[in-house]
Amino acid sequence: MVQFDVQHYSPMLFAKLGIEMPEAIRRAVCKRQAEFLAGRYLAKKVQMSLGVIPIEIAIGDSRAPVWPSAWTGSISHNDSLAICAMTPQSYEHEGVGIDIESVIDVEKATEMEGVVFTEKERGRLPSDARDISWLMTLLFSAKESIFKALYPQVQCYFDFLDVTFLRMDAQWLYFELNTRLADALVPGIQGKVYYAKVGEKVMTFTRSEYFI
C-alpha cells in the first residue's frame, strides 16, 4: 500500500519514478493520472520486492493490468491510497482481486440496491443501521474484488448480481455464483472475500482459488 496526494501531482513524476504514461492516461484528468501513477509505481515496487525484474504493467482488455508471465496481480486506488497484490500463478487463468473504497453515503448506498445487490442480499447484512453505509460499501468492494479475481477465467464483464452474498463473519464475506461464468465457474460454486477497515476506507481481497 502507498499513500499519495493528488494536490502534489505533476506529470513530470512519471519520468522521475520511471513509469511510462500510456496515451489513454495522457488524455485523462490529473486525478486519474495521479491514481494511475501511484498504482503503477506500487506495482513496480512489489515486483522488485518479489525478486521479479520489473516490467511496465500495461493496460489490457477491459482495462485489466497485464502482469509478467507466470504472475498475476491486482491494483486498486482511491483518493489517497493505492494498493497492490501480486502472486505467482500456480495454474492457468489464476487471478487475485483487491479493492479499496471510501465509504459511500447513505443515499448512494441505497441506490446500489437492484444494481450491486438485491433486497435479499441486503437483508443478510447485520442489522446495525449505524454501519449500513459501510456494510453496503463492503458488498460493492467485495464484488469488485471477485470480478478482478475471476476475470482471467471469464474474459468478459459480468454483472454484480451474478454473485450472491450469503453471510459474513469477523474477517470474511461469503458468496455464491448464481450464473455460469466459465466452465469451472457454475451456479452453486461458493467462495469467500477477506475484508478489513483501512482508516475510514474499506479494503477487500480474494483469489480465484477461493471459488473452486
N, C-alpha and C. Protein backbone atom coordinates (compact mmCIF):
# COMPACT_ATOMS: atom_id res chain seq x y z
N MET A 1 0.84 -1.18 0.00
CA MET A 1 0.00 0.00 0.00
C MET A 1 0.88 1.24 0.00
N VAL A 2 0.46 2.28 -0.70
CA VAL A 2 1.20 3.53 -0.72
C VAL A 2 0.21 4.68 -0.66
N GLN A 3 0.60 5.74 0.03
CA GLN A 3 -0.23 6.92 0.15
C GLN A 3 0.24 7.96 -0.85
N PHE A 4 -0.69 8.70 -1.45
CA PHE A 4 -0.32 9.76 -2.38
C PHE A 4 -1.25 10.95 -2.21
N ASP A 5 -0.84 12.09 -2.72
CA ASP A 5 -1.61 13.33 -2.59
C ASP A 5 -1.77 13.94 -3.98
N VAL A 6 -3.00 13.97 -4.48
CA VAL A 6 -3.27 14.48 -5.81
C VAL A 6 -2.84 15.94 -5.93
N GLN A 7 -2.91 16.68 -4.83
CA GLN A 7 -2.56 18.10 -4.86
C GLN A 7 -1.09 18.33 -5.20
N HIS A 8 -0.25 17.32 -4.95
CA HIS A 8 1.18 17.46 -5.24
C HIS A 8 1.58 16.72 -6.52
N TYR A 9 0.58 16.30 -7.29
CA TYR A 9 0.87 15.57 -8.52
C TYR A 9 1.39 16.49 -9.62
N SER A 10 2.34 15.98 -10.39
CA SER A 10 2.83 16.63 -11.60
C SER A 10 3.12 15.55 -12.63
N PRO A 11 2.79 15.77 -13.91
CA PRO A 11 3.10 14.78 -14.95
C PRO A 11 4.59 14.42 -15.00
N MET A 12 5.44 15.34 -14.53
CA MET A 12 6.88 15.07 -14.53
C MET A 12 7.26 13.92 -13.61
N LEU A 13 6.37 13.57 -12.68
CA LEU A 13 6.66 12.48 -11.74
C LEU A 13 6.72 11.13 -12.46
N PHE A 14 6.05 10.99 -13.59
CA PHE A 14 6.14 9.73 -14.35
C PHE A 14 7.59 9.44 -14.72
N ALA A 15 8.26 10.44 -15.31
CA ALA A 15 9.66 10.26 -15.71
C ALA A 15 10.56 10.09 -14.48
N LYS A 16 10.28 10.87 -13.45
CA LYS A 16 11.10 10.81 -12.24
C LYS A 16 11.05 9.43 -11.59
N LEU A 17 9.86 8.80 -11.62
CA LEU A 17 9.69 7.49 -10.99
C LEU A 17 9.90 6.33 -11.97
N GLY A 18 10.22 6.65 -13.22
CA GLY A 18 10.50 5.62 -14.20
C GLY A 18 9.27 4.84 -14.64
N ILE A 19 8.13 5.53 -14.71
CA ILE A 19 6.87 4.90 -15.11
C ILE A 19 6.43 5.50 -16.45
N GLU A 20 6.07 4.65 -17.39
CA GLU A 20 5.60 5.12 -18.68
C GLU A 20 4.15 5.59 -18.58
N MET A 21 3.84 6.71 -19.23
CA MET A 21 2.47 7.21 -19.24
C MET A 21 1.80 6.79 -20.55
N PRO A 22 0.84 5.86 -20.51
CA PRO A 22 0.14 5.45 -21.73
C PRO A 22 -0.65 6.61 -22.32
N GLU A 23 -0.90 6.54 -23.61
CA GLU A 23 -1.61 7.61 -24.30
C GLU A 23 -2.99 7.84 -23.69
N ALA A 24 -3.69 6.75 -23.31
CA ALA A 24 -5.02 6.90 -22.73
C ALA A 24 -4.96 7.68 -21.42
N ILE A 25 -3.90 7.49 -20.65
CA ILE A 25 -3.74 8.22 -19.39
C ILE A 25 -3.30 9.65 -19.65
N ARG A 26 -2.54 9.85 -20.70
CA ARG A 26 -2.09 11.21 -21.06
C ARG A 26 -3.28 12.12 -21.34
N ARG A 27 -4.35 11.53 -21.84
CA ARG A 27 -5.54 12.32 -22.16
C ARG A 27 -6.48 12.47 -20.97
N ALA A 28 -6.18 11.79 -19.87
CA ALA A 28 -7.06 11.79 -18.70
C ALA A 28 -6.84 13.03 -17.83
N VAL A 29 -7.77 13.26 -16.91
CA VAL A 29 -7.64 14.38 -15.97
C VAL A 29 -6.53 14.07 -14.97
N CYS A 30 -6.06 15.10 -14.28
CA CYS A 30 -4.93 14.97 -13.36
C CYS A 30 -5.18 13.93 -12.27
N LYS A 31 -6.40 13.88 -11.75
CA LYS A 31 -6.71 12.93 -10.68
C LYS A 31 -6.49 11.50 -11.16
N ARG A 32 -6.98 11.19 -12.37
CA ARG A 32 -6.81 9.85 -12.94
C ARG A 32 -5.32 9.56 -13.18
N GLN A 33 -4.57 10.54 -13.66
CA GLN A 33 -3.14 10.37 -13.89
C GLN A 33 -2.41 10.07 -12.57
N ALA A 34 -2.77 10.80 -11.52
CA ALA A 34 -2.12 10.61 -10.22
C ALA A 34 -2.42 9.22 -9.67
N GLU A 35 -3.67 8.78 -9.79
CA GLU A 35 -4.05 7.45 -9.31
C GLU A 35 -3.32 6.35 -10.09
N PHE A 36 -3.25 6.51 -11.41
CA PHE A 36 -2.57 5.53 -12.24
C PHE A 36 -1.09 5.46 -11.87
N LEU A 37 -0.47 6.62 -11.72
CA LEU A 37 0.95 6.67 -11.36
C LEU A 37 1.20 5.97 -10.02
N ALA A 38 0.37 6.27 -9.03
CA ALA A 38 0.55 5.65 -7.71
C ALA A 38 0.42 4.14 -7.80
N GLY A 39 -0.58 3.65 -8.54
CA GLY A 39 -0.78 2.21 -8.67
C GLY A 39 0.36 1.53 -9.40
N ARG A 40 0.82 2.11 -10.51
CA ARG A 40 1.91 1.50 -11.28
C ARG A 40 3.25 1.60 -10.54
N TYR A 41 3.46 2.69 -9.84
CA TYR A 41 4.69 2.81 -9.03
C TYR A 41 4.70 1.72 -7.96
N LEU A 42 3.55 1.50 -7.32
CA LEU A 42 3.46 0.47 -6.29
C LEU A 42 3.67 -0.92 -6.90
N ALA A 43 3.08 -1.16 -8.07
CA ALA A 43 3.27 -2.45 -8.74
C ALA A 43 4.74 -2.70 -9.06
N LYS A 44 5.45 -1.65 -9.44
CA LYS A 44 6.89 -1.76 -9.70
C LYS A 44 7.64 -2.15 -8.43
N LYS A 45 7.29 -1.51 -7.32
CA LYS A 45 7.93 -1.81 -6.03
C LYS A 45 7.63 -3.25 -5.60
N VAL A 46 6.39 -3.69 -5.81
CA VAL A 46 6.02 -5.05 -5.43
C VAL A 46 6.80 -6.07 -6.24
N GLN A 47 6.93 -5.83 -7.56
CA GLN A 47 7.71 -6.74 -8.40
C GLN A 47 9.15 -6.85 -7.88
N MET A 48 9.75 -5.73 -7.57
CA MET A 48 11.12 -5.72 -7.08
C MET A 48 11.24 -6.46 -5.75
N SER A 49 10.24 -6.30 -4.87
CA SER A 49 10.28 -6.95 -3.57
C SER A 49 10.16 -8.46 -3.69
N LEU A 50 9.54 -8.92 -4.80
CA LEU A 50 9.37 -10.34 -5.04
C LEU A 50 10.51 -10.94 -5.87
N GLY A 51 11.49 -10.12 -6.20
CA GLY A 51 12.62 -10.59 -6.98
C GLY A 51 12.32 -10.72 -8.46
N VAL A 52 11.27 -10.05 -8.92
CA VAL A 52 10.89 -10.07 -10.33
C VAL A 52 11.49 -8.84 -11.01
N ILE A 53 12.12 -9.05 -12.18
CA ILE A 53 12.61 -7.90 -12.94
C ILE A 53 11.39 -7.07 -13.35
N PRO A 54 11.27 -5.84 -12.89
CA PRO A 54 10.04 -5.09 -13.10
C PRO A 54 9.80 -4.75 -14.57
N ILE A 55 8.56 -4.93 -14.98
CA ILE A 55 8.13 -4.52 -16.31
C ILE A 55 7.01 -3.49 -16.15
N GLU A 56 6.76 -2.74 -17.23
CA GLU A 56 5.62 -1.83 -17.23
C GLU A 56 4.33 -2.66 -17.20
N ILE A 57 3.46 -2.37 -16.27
CA ILE A 57 2.17 -3.06 -16.20
C ILE A 57 1.21 -2.34 -17.14
N ALA A 58 1.09 -2.89 -18.35
CA ALA A 58 0.28 -2.24 -19.38
C ALA A 58 -1.21 -2.37 -19.06
N ILE A 59 -2.02 -1.60 -19.79
CA ILE A 59 -3.47 -1.68 -19.69
C ILE A 59 -3.96 -2.66 -20.74
N GLY A 60 -4.57 -3.76 -20.30
CA GLY A 60 -5.03 -4.78 -21.23
C GLY A 60 -6.52 -4.70 -21.51
N ASP A 61 -7.10 -5.83 -21.92
CA ASP A 61 -8.53 -5.89 -22.20
C ASP A 61 -9.35 -5.51 -20.98
N SER A 62 -10.43 -4.80 -21.21
CA SER A 62 -11.32 -4.36 -20.14
C SER A 62 -10.56 -3.58 -19.05
N ARG A 63 -9.48 -2.94 -19.48
CA ARG A 63 -8.63 -2.11 -18.60
C ARG A 63 -7.92 -2.92 -17.51
N ALA A 64 -7.88 -4.25 -17.66
CA ALA A 64 -7.20 -5.09 -16.68
C ALA A 64 -5.69 -4.95 -16.84
N PRO A 65 -4.93 -4.87 -15.75
CA PRO A 65 -3.46 -4.79 -15.84
C PRO A 65 -2.88 -6.06 -16.46
N VAL A 66 -1.81 -5.91 -17.22
CA VAL A 66 -1.11 -7.04 -17.84
C VAL A 66 0.14 -7.34 -17.02
N TRP A 67 0.14 -8.49 -16.35
CA TRP A 67 1.20 -8.85 -15.42
C TRP A 67 2.31 -9.65 -16.10
N PRO A 68 3.49 -9.73 -15.46
CA PRO A 68 4.57 -10.54 -16.05
C PRO A 68 4.13 -11.99 -16.23
N SER A 69 4.73 -12.67 -17.20
CA SER A 69 4.41 -14.07 -17.46
C SER A 69 4.57 -14.90 -16.20
N ALA A 70 3.62 -15.78 -15.94
CA ALA A 70 3.59 -16.70 -14.79
C ALA A 70 3.28 -15.98 -13.47
N TRP A 71 2.83 -14.73 -13.55
CA TRP A 71 2.41 -13.99 -12.35
C TRP A 71 1.01 -13.44 -12.57
N THR A 72 0.33 -13.17 -11.49
CA THR A 72 -0.96 -12.49 -11.56
C THR A 72 -1.04 -11.47 -10.44
N GLY A 73 -1.88 -10.48 -10.62
CA GLY A 73 -1.95 -9.44 -9.59
C GLY A 73 -3.19 -8.59 -9.72
N SER A 74 -3.26 -7.58 -8.89
CA SER A 74 -4.41 -6.69 -8.87
C SER A 74 -3.99 -5.36 -8.27
N ILE A 75 -4.56 -4.28 -8.78
CA ILE A 75 -4.27 -2.92 -8.31
C ILE A 75 -5.59 -2.21 -8.03
N SER A 76 -5.61 -1.42 -6.97
CA SER A 76 -6.76 -0.56 -6.70
C SER A 76 -6.26 0.75 -6.13
N HIS A 77 -7.01 1.81 -6.35
CA HIS A 77 -6.64 3.11 -5.77
C HIS A 77 -7.91 3.88 -5.47
N ASN A 78 -7.80 4.75 -4.48
CA ASN A 78 -8.97 5.52 -4.07
C ASN A 78 -8.54 6.75 -3.30
N ASP A 79 -8.77 7.92 -3.86
CA ASP A 79 -8.48 9.21 -3.23
C ASP A 79 -7.00 9.39 -2.89
N SER A 80 -6.54 8.76 -1.82
CA SER A 80 -5.17 9.00 -1.37
C SER A 80 -4.38 7.72 -1.13
N LEU A 81 -4.95 6.57 -1.46
CA LEU A 81 -4.27 5.30 -1.25
C LEU A 81 -4.28 4.47 -2.52
N ALA A 82 -3.16 3.80 -2.78
CA ALA A 82 -3.10 2.78 -3.83
C ALA A 82 -2.69 1.48 -3.15
N ILE A 83 -3.21 0.36 -3.66
CA ILE A 83 -2.93 -0.92 -3.05
C ILE A 83 -2.71 -1.94 -4.17
N CYS A 84 -1.78 -2.87 -3.94
CA CYS A 84 -1.42 -3.83 -4.99
C CYS A 84 -1.17 -5.19 -4.36
N ALA A 85 -1.61 -6.24 -5.04
CA ALA A 85 -1.32 -7.62 -4.65
C ALA A 85 -0.78 -8.35 -5.87
N MET A 86 0.21 -9.21 -5.67
CA MET A 86 0.81 -9.95 -6.78
C MET A 86 1.28 -11.30 -6.27
N THR A 87 1.09 -12.36 -7.09
CA THR A 87 1.45 -13.71 -6.65
C THR A 87 1.81 -14.55 -7.87
N PRO A 88 2.66 -15.56 -7.72
CA PRO A 88 2.93 -16.46 -8.84
C PRO A 88 1.65 -17.21 -9.23
N GLN A 89 1.50 -17.46 -10.52
CA GLN A 89 0.36 -18.26 -11.00
C GLN A 89 0.71 -19.74 -10.88
N SER A 90 -0.07 -20.45 -10.08
CA SER A 90 0.15 -21.89 -9.94
C SER A 90 -0.66 -22.69 -10.94
N TYR A 91 -1.62 -22.04 -11.61
CA TYR A 91 -2.37 -22.70 -12.67
C TYR A 91 -2.86 -21.64 -13.65
N GLU A 92 -3.17 -22.05 -14.86
CA GLU A 92 -3.60 -21.13 -15.89
C GLU A 92 -4.87 -20.40 -15.48
N HIS A 93 -4.89 -19.11 -15.77
CA HIS A 93 -6.05 -18.25 -15.50
C HIS A 93 -6.27 -17.99 -14.01
N GLU A 94 -5.30 -18.31 -13.18
CA GLU A 94 -5.42 -17.95 -11.76
C GLU A 94 -5.46 -16.43 -11.65
N GLY A 95 -6.24 -15.93 -10.71
CA GLY A 95 -6.33 -14.49 -10.54
C GLY A 95 -6.49 -14.09 -9.08
N VAL A 96 -6.15 -12.86 -8.79
CA VAL A 96 -6.40 -12.28 -7.47
C VAL A 96 -7.15 -10.97 -7.68
N GLY A 97 -7.88 -10.57 -6.66
CA GLY A 97 -8.60 -9.31 -6.73
C GLY A 97 -8.46 -8.54 -5.45
N ILE A 98 -8.13 -7.27 -5.57
CA ILE A 98 -8.02 -6.40 -4.39
C ILE A 98 -8.73 -5.09 -4.71
N ASP A 99 -9.37 -4.50 -3.70
CA ASP A 99 -10.13 -3.28 -3.93
C ASP A 99 -10.13 -2.44 -2.66
N ILE A 100 -10.09 -1.13 -2.84
CA ILE A 100 -10.19 -0.20 -1.71
C ILE A 100 -11.19 0.89 -2.07
N GLU A 101 -12.09 1.20 -1.14
CA GLU A 101 -13.17 2.15 -1.41
C GLU A 101 -13.39 3.06 -0.21
N SER A 102 -13.72 4.32 -0.49
CA SER A 102 -14.22 5.20 0.55
C SER A 102 -15.67 4.84 0.83
N VAL A 103 -16.09 4.98 2.07
CA VAL A 103 -17.45 4.64 2.44
C VAL A 103 -18.43 5.57 1.72
N ILE A 104 -19.40 4.96 1.06
CA ILE A 104 -20.40 5.70 0.29
C ILE A 104 -21.48 6.23 1.23
N ASP A 105 -22.01 7.42 0.93
CA ASP A 105 -23.04 7.97 1.81
C ASP A 105 -24.33 7.16 1.69
N VAL A 106 -25.23 7.36 2.63
CA VAL A 106 -26.43 6.54 2.73
C VAL A 106 -27.27 6.60 1.46
N GLU A 107 -27.43 7.78 0.88
CA GLU A 107 -28.26 7.92 -0.32
C GLU A 107 -27.71 7.10 -1.48
N LYS A 108 -26.40 7.23 -1.72
CA LYS A 108 -25.79 6.47 -2.82
C LYS A 108 -25.80 4.98 -2.52
N ALA A 109 -25.59 4.63 -1.25
CA ALA A 109 -25.59 3.22 -0.87
C ALA A 109 -26.96 2.60 -1.14
N THR A 110 -28.01 3.34 -0.85
CA THR A 110 -29.37 2.85 -1.09
C THR A 110 -29.62 2.63 -2.57
N GLU A 111 -29.03 3.48 -3.42
CA GLU A 111 -29.22 3.37 -4.86
C GLU A 111 -28.56 2.11 -5.43
N MET A 112 -27.67 1.48 -4.66
CA MET A 112 -27.00 0.26 -5.12
C MET A 112 -27.96 -0.93 -5.20
N GLU A 113 -29.04 -0.86 -4.41
CA GLU A 113 -29.96 -2.00 -4.38
C GLU A 113 -30.57 -2.21 -5.76
N GLY A 114 -30.51 -3.44 -6.24
CA GLY A 114 -31.00 -3.77 -7.56
C GLY A 114 -29.95 -3.66 -8.64
N VAL A 115 -28.81 -3.04 -8.30
CA VAL A 115 -27.70 -2.89 -9.25
C VAL A 115 -26.48 -3.67 -8.78
N VAL A 116 -26.12 -3.48 -7.51
CA VAL A 116 -24.96 -4.16 -6.92
C VAL A 116 -25.40 -5.37 -6.11
N PHE A 117 -26.53 -5.25 -5.44
CA PHE A 117 -27.04 -6.35 -4.62
C PHE A 117 -28.56 -6.29 -4.60
N THR A 118 -29.16 -7.39 -4.23
CA THR A 118 -30.62 -7.48 -4.17
C THR A 118 -31.12 -7.14 -2.76
N GLU A 119 -32.42 -6.95 -2.65
CA GLU A 119 -33.02 -6.71 -1.34
C GLU A 119 -32.74 -7.89 -0.40
N LYS A 120 -32.76 -9.11 -0.96
CA LYS A 120 -32.49 -10.31 -0.15
C LYS A 120 -31.06 -10.30 0.38
N GLU A 121 -30.10 -9.89 -0.45
CA GLU A 121 -28.71 -9.80 -0.01
C GLU A 121 -28.55 -8.74 1.09
N ARG A 122 -29.19 -7.61 0.88
CA ARG A 122 -29.11 -6.55 1.89
C ARG A 122 -29.67 -7.05 3.22
N GLY A 123 -30.72 -7.85 3.15
CA GLY A 123 -31.32 -8.38 4.37
C GLY A 123 -30.42 -9.33 5.12
N ARG A 124 -29.39 -9.84 4.46
CA ARG A 124 -28.45 -10.75 5.13
C ARG A 124 -27.32 -10.01 5.84
N LEU A 125 -27.25 -8.70 5.65
CA LEU A 125 -26.25 -7.91 6.37
C LEU A 125 -26.66 -7.75 7.82
N PRO A 126 -25.69 -7.56 8.72
CA PRO A 126 -26.04 -7.27 10.12
C PRO A 126 -26.96 -6.07 10.19
N SER A 127 -27.86 -6.05 11.13
CA SER A 127 -28.91 -5.03 11.18
C SER A 127 -28.53 -3.80 11.99
N ASP A 128 -27.26 -3.41 11.95
CA ASP A 128 -26.80 -2.21 12.66
C ASP A 128 -26.91 -1.02 11.71
N ALA A 129 -27.94 -0.22 11.89
CA ALA A 129 -28.20 0.91 11.00
C ALA A 129 -27.05 1.91 10.97
N ARG A 130 -26.30 2.02 12.07
CA ARG A 130 -25.20 2.98 12.12
C ARG A 130 -24.13 2.65 11.10
N ASP A 131 -24.00 1.39 10.74
CA ASP A 131 -22.94 0.96 9.84
C ASP A 131 -23.45 0.53 8.47
N ILE A 132 -24.71 0.86 8.13
CA ILE A 132 -25.28 0.33 6.89
C ILE A 132 -24.54 0.83 5.67
N SER A 133 -24.10 2.09 5.65
CA SER A 133 -23.34 2.60 4.50
C SER A 133 -22.02 1.85 4.36
N TRP A 134 -21.37 1.60 5.49
CA TRP A 134 -20.10 0.86 5.47
C TRP A 134 -20.32 -0.56 4.96
N LEU A 135 -21.39 -1.18 5.43
CA LEU A 135 -21.66 -2.56 5.04
C LEU A 135 -22.01 -2.67 3.55
N MET A 136 -22.77 -1.72 3.03
CA MET A 136 -23.13 -1.78 1.61
C MET A 136 -21.92 -1.43 0.74
N THR A 137 -21.07 -0.52 1.22
CA THR A 137 -19.81 -0.26 0.52
C THR A 137 -18.96 -1.52 0.50
N LEU A 138 -18.98 -2.26 1.59
CA LEU A 138 -18.23 -3.50 1.70
C LEU A 138 -18.70 -4.52 0.66
N LEU A 139 -20.01 -4.63 0.47
CA LEU A 139 -20.54 -5.54 -0.55
C LEU A 139 -20.08 -5.13 -1.94
N PHE A 140 -20.14 -3.83 -2.22
CA PHE A 140 -19.68 -3.33 -3.52
C PHE A 140 -18.21 -3.66 -3.73
N SER A 141 -17.38 -3.37 -2.74
CA SER A 141 -15.95 -3.61 -2.84
C SER A 141 -15.64 -5.10 -3.02
N ALA A 142 -16.34 -5.94 -2.26
CA ALA A 142 -16.12 -7.39 -2.35
C ALA A 142 -16.43 -7.90 -3.75
N LYS A 143 -17.52 -7.41 -4.34
CA LYS A 143 -17.88 -7.87 -5.68
C LYS A 143 -16.90 -7.34 -6.73
N GLU A 144 -16.32 -6.16 -6.49
CA GLU A 144 -15.26 -5.66 -7.36
C GLU A 144 -14.06 -6.60 -7.30
N SER A 145 -13.67 -7.01 -6.10
CA SER A 145 -12.53 -7.93 -5.94
C SER A 145 -12.81 -9.27 -6.61
N ILE A 146 -14.05 -9.75 -6.48
CA ILE A 146 -14.42 -11.02 -7.13
C ILE A 146 -14.29 -10.90 -8.65
N PHE A 147 -14.77 -9.79 -9.20
CA PHE A 147 -14.66 -9.58 -10.65
C PHE A 147 -13.20 -9.65 -11.08
N LYS A 148 -12.32 -8.96 -10.36
CA LYS A 148 -10.90 -8.94 -10.75
C LYS A 148 -10.27 -10.32 -10.65
N ALA A 149 -10.62 -11.07 -9.60
CA ALA A 149 -10.02 -12.39 -9.40
C ALA A 149 -10.49 -13.40 -10.43
N LEU A 150 -11.75 -13.29 -10.86
CA LEU A 150 -12.31 -14.27 -11.77
C LEU A 150 -12.20 -13.87 -13.25
N TYR A 151 -11.85 -12.62 -13.50
CA TYR A 151 -11.78 -12.15 -14.89
C TYR A 151 -10.85 -12.99 -15.77
N PRO A 152 -9.67 -13.42 -15.29
CA PRO A 152 -8.81 -14.24 -16.16
C PRO A 152 -9.50 -15.50 -16.69
N GLN A 153 -10.47 -16.03 -15.94
CA GLN A 153 -11.23 -17.19 -16.42
C GLN A 153 -12.42 -16.77 -17.28
N VAL A 154 -13.10 -15.73 -16.87
CA VAL A 154 -14.34 -15.32 -17.55
C VAL A 154 -14.06 -14.57 -18.85
N GLN A 155 -13.03 -13.70 -18.83
CA GLN A 155 -12.59 -12.95 -20.01
C GLN A 155 -13.64 -12.00 -20.58
N CYS A 156 -14.57 -11.58 -19.75
CA CYS A 156 -15.53 -10.57 -20.17
C CYS A 156 -16.19 -10.00 -18.92
N TYR A 157 -16.88 -8.89 -19.10
CA TYR A 157 -17.59 -8.30 -17.97
C TYR A 157 -18.73 -9.21 -17.52
N PHE A 158 -18.94 -9.30 -16.22
CA PHE A 158 -20.14 -9.95 -15.72
C PHE A 158 -20.78 -9.07 -14.66
N ASP A 159 -22.00 -9.35 -14.34
CA ASP A 159 -22.82 -8.45 -13.53
C ASP A 159 -22.60 -8.67 -12.04
N PHE A 160 -22.73 -7.60 -11.27
CA PHE A 160 -22.65 -7.71 -9.81
C PHE A 160 -23.66 -8.73 -9.29
N LEU A 161 -24.82 -8.79 -9.93
CA LEU A 161 -25.89 -9.67 -9.46
C LEU A 161 -25.69 -11.13 -9.85
N ASP A 162 -24.62 -11.42 -10.61
CA ASP A 162 -24.28 -12.81 -10.92
C ASP A 162 -23.66 -13.52 -9.73
N VAL A 163 -23.33 -12.75 -8.70
CA VAL A 163 -22.72 -13.28 -7.48
C VAL A 163 -23.60 -12.89 -6.30
N THR A 164 -23.97 -13.84 -5.49
CA THR A 164 -24.91 -13.60 -4.38
C THR A 164 -24.19 -13.63 -3.04
N PHE A 165 -24.41 -12.59 -2.24
CA PHE A 165 -23.87 -12.55 -0.88
C PHE A 165 -24.67 -13.49 0.02
N LEU A 166 -23.95 -14.29 0.82
CA LEU A 166 -24.60 -15.26 1.70
C LEU A 166 -24.55 -14.85 3.16
N ARG A 167 -23.36 -14.51 3.65
CA ARG A 167 -23.19 -14.19 5.08
C ARG A 167 -21.80 -13.60 5.28
N MET A 168 -21.53 -13.16 6.51
CA MET A 168 -20.22 -12.63 6.84
C MET A 168 -19.87 -12.97 8.27
N ASP A 169 -18.56 -12.98 8.55
CA ASP A 169 -18.10 -13.10 9.93
C ASP A 169 -17.09 -11.99 10.18
N ALA A 170 -16.24 -12.14 11.17
CA ALA A 170 -15.35 -11.05 11.57
C ALA A 170 -14.26 -10.75 10.54
N GLN A 171 -13.98 -11.67 9.61
CA GLN A 171 -12.92 -11.46 8.63
C GLN A 171 -13.33 -11.72 7.18
N TRP A 172 -14.37 -12.49 6.98
CA TRP A 172 -14.70 -12.95 5.63
C TRP A 172 -16.15 -12.67 5.27
N LEU A 173 -16.36 -12.43 3.97
CA LEU A 173 -17.69 -12.39 3.38
C LEU A 173 -17.80 -13.61 2.48
N TYR A 174 -18.96 -14.25 2.47
CA TYR A 174 -19.15 -15.49 1.72
C TYR A 174 -20.18 -15.27 0.61
N PHE A 175 -19.88 -15.81 -0.57
CA PHE A 175 -20.69 -15.59 -1.76
C PHE A 175 -20.95 -16.89 -2.50
N GLU A 176 -21.94 -16.84 -3.39
CA GLU A 176 -22.26 -17.99 -4.25
C GLU A 176 -22.55 -17.49 -5.66
N LEU A 177 -22.01 -18.20 -6.65
CA LEU A 177 -22.32 -17.87 -8.03
C LEU A 177 -23.74 -18.34 -8.36
N ASN A 178 -24.50 -17.49 -9.05
CA ASN A 178 -25.84 -17.90 -9.48
C ASN A 178 -25.97 -17.92 -10.99
N THR A 179 -24.86 -17.69 -11.70
CA THR A 179 -24.82 -17.67 -13.15
C THR A 179 -23.59 -18.43 -13.62
N ARG A 180 -23.67 -19.12 -14.73
CA ARG A 180 -22.50 -19.78 -15.29
C ARG A 180 -21.60 -18.71 -15.91
N LEU A 181 -20.40 -18.55 -15.36
CA LEU A 181 -19.46 -17.55 -15.85
C LEU A 181 -18.36 -18.14 -16.71
N ALA A 182 -18.01 -19.41 -16.46
CA ALA A 182 -16.96 -20.11 -17.21
C ALA A 182 -17.15 -21.61 -16.95
N ASP A 183 -16.35 -22.43 -17.63
CA ASP A 183 -16.50 -23.88 -17.50
C ASP A 183 -16.43 -24.33 -16.04
N ALA A 184 -15.52 -23.74 -15.28
CA ALA A 184 -15.34 -24.14 -13.89
C ALA A 184 -16.07 -23.23 -12.91
N LEU A 185 -16.79 -22.25 -13.43
CA LEU A 185 -17.49 -21.29 -12.58
C LEU A 185 -18.99 -21.38 -12.88
N VAL A 186 -19.64 -22.30 -12.21
CA VAL A 186 -21.05 -22.59 -12.48
C VAL A 186 -21.90 -22.24 -11.26
N PRO A 187 -23.20 -22.10 -11.43
CA PRO A 187 -24.08 -21.80 -10.29
C PRO A 187 -23.89 -22.80 -9.15
N GLY A 188 -23.86 -22.29 -7.95
CA GLY A 188 -23.67 -23.13 -6.77
C GLY A 188 -22.26 -23.10 -6.22
N ILE A 189 -21.27 -22.67 -7.05
CA ILE A 189 -19.90 -22.53 -6.56
C ILE A 189 -19.87 -21.43 -5.51
N GLN A 190 -19.27 -21.73 -4.36
CA GLN A 190 -19.18 -20.74 -3.28
C GLN A 190 -17.73 -20.29 -3.09
N GLY A 191 -17.58 -19.10 -2.58
CA GLY A 191 -16.25 -18.55 -2.34
C GLY A 191 -16.29 -17.51 -1.24
N LYS A 192 -15.12 -16.96 -0.94
CA LYS A 192 -15.03 -16.01 0.16
C LYS A 192 -14.13 -14.83 -0.21
N VAL A 193 -14.35 -13.73 0.49
CA VAL A 193 -13.59 -12.50 0.29
C VAL A 193 -13.17 -11.98 1.66
N TYR A 194 -11.87 -11.74 1.81
CA TYR A 194 -11.35 -11.15 3.06
C TYR A 194 -11.65 -9.66 3.07
N TYR A 195 -11.93 -9.10 4.24
CA TYR A 195 -12.17 -7.67 4.33
C TYR A 195 -11.52 -7.07 5.57
N ALA A 196 -11.27 -5.76 5.49
CA ALA A 196 -10.67 -5.04 6.62
C ALA A 196 -11.00 -3.56 6.49
N LYS A 197 -10.96 -2.86 7.62
CA LYS A 197 -11.05 -1.41 7.61
C LYS A 197 -9.65 -0.84 7.49
N VAL A 198 -9.48 0.15 6.61
CA VAL A 198 -8.20 0.85 6.48
C VAL A 198 -8.51 2.32 6.73
N GLY A 199 -8.35 2.74 7.98
CA GLY A 199 -8.79 4.08 8.36
C GLY A 199 -10.29 4.17 8.20
N GLU A 200 -10.74 5.10 7.36
CA GLU A 200 -12.16 5.25 7.08
C GLU A 200 -12.56 4.55 5.79
N LYS A 201 -11.66 3.75 5.25
CA LYS A 201 -11.92 3.08 3.98
C LYS A 201 -12.17 1.58 4.17
N VAL A 202 -12.66 0.96 3.12
CA VAL A 202 -12.94 -0.47 3.09
C VAL A 202 -11.93 -1.13 2.15
N MET A 203 -11.31 -2.22 2.56
CA MET A 203 -10.41 -2.98 1.70
C MET A 203 -10.89 -4.43 1.63
N THR A 204 -10.91 -4.99 0.42
CA THR A 204 -11.29 -6.39 0.25
C THR A 204 -10.27 -7.09 -0.63
N PHE A 205 -10.17 -8.41 -0.45
CA PHE A 205 -9.20 -9.21 -1.21
C PHE A 205 -9.72 -10.62 -1.38
N THR A 206 -9.53 -11.17 -2.58
CA THR A 206 -9.88 -12.57 -2.80
C THR A 206 -8.98 -13.16 -3.87
N ARG A 207 -9.05 -14.50 -4.02
CA ARG A 207 -8.29 -15.22 -5.03
C ARG A 207 -9.23 -16.16 -5.77
N SER A 208 -8.91 -16.44 -7.02
CA SER A 208 -9.75 -17.35 -7.79
C SER A 208 -9.83 -18.72 -7.14
N GLU A 209 -8.77 -19.13 -6.45
CA GLU A 209 -8.78 -20.45 -5.80
C GLU A 209 -9.78 -20.51 -4.65
N TYR A 210 -10.26 -19.36 -4.19
CA TYR A 210 -11.31 -19.36 -3.17
C TYR A 210 -12.67 -19.69 -3.76
N PHE A 211 -12.76 -19.81 -5.08
CA PHE A 211 -14.02 -20.09 -5.76
C PHE A 211 -13.89 -21.38 -6.59
N ILE A 212 -13.41 -22.41 -5.98
CA ILE A 212 -13.25 -23.70 -6.64
C ILE A 212 -14.16 -24.74 -5.98
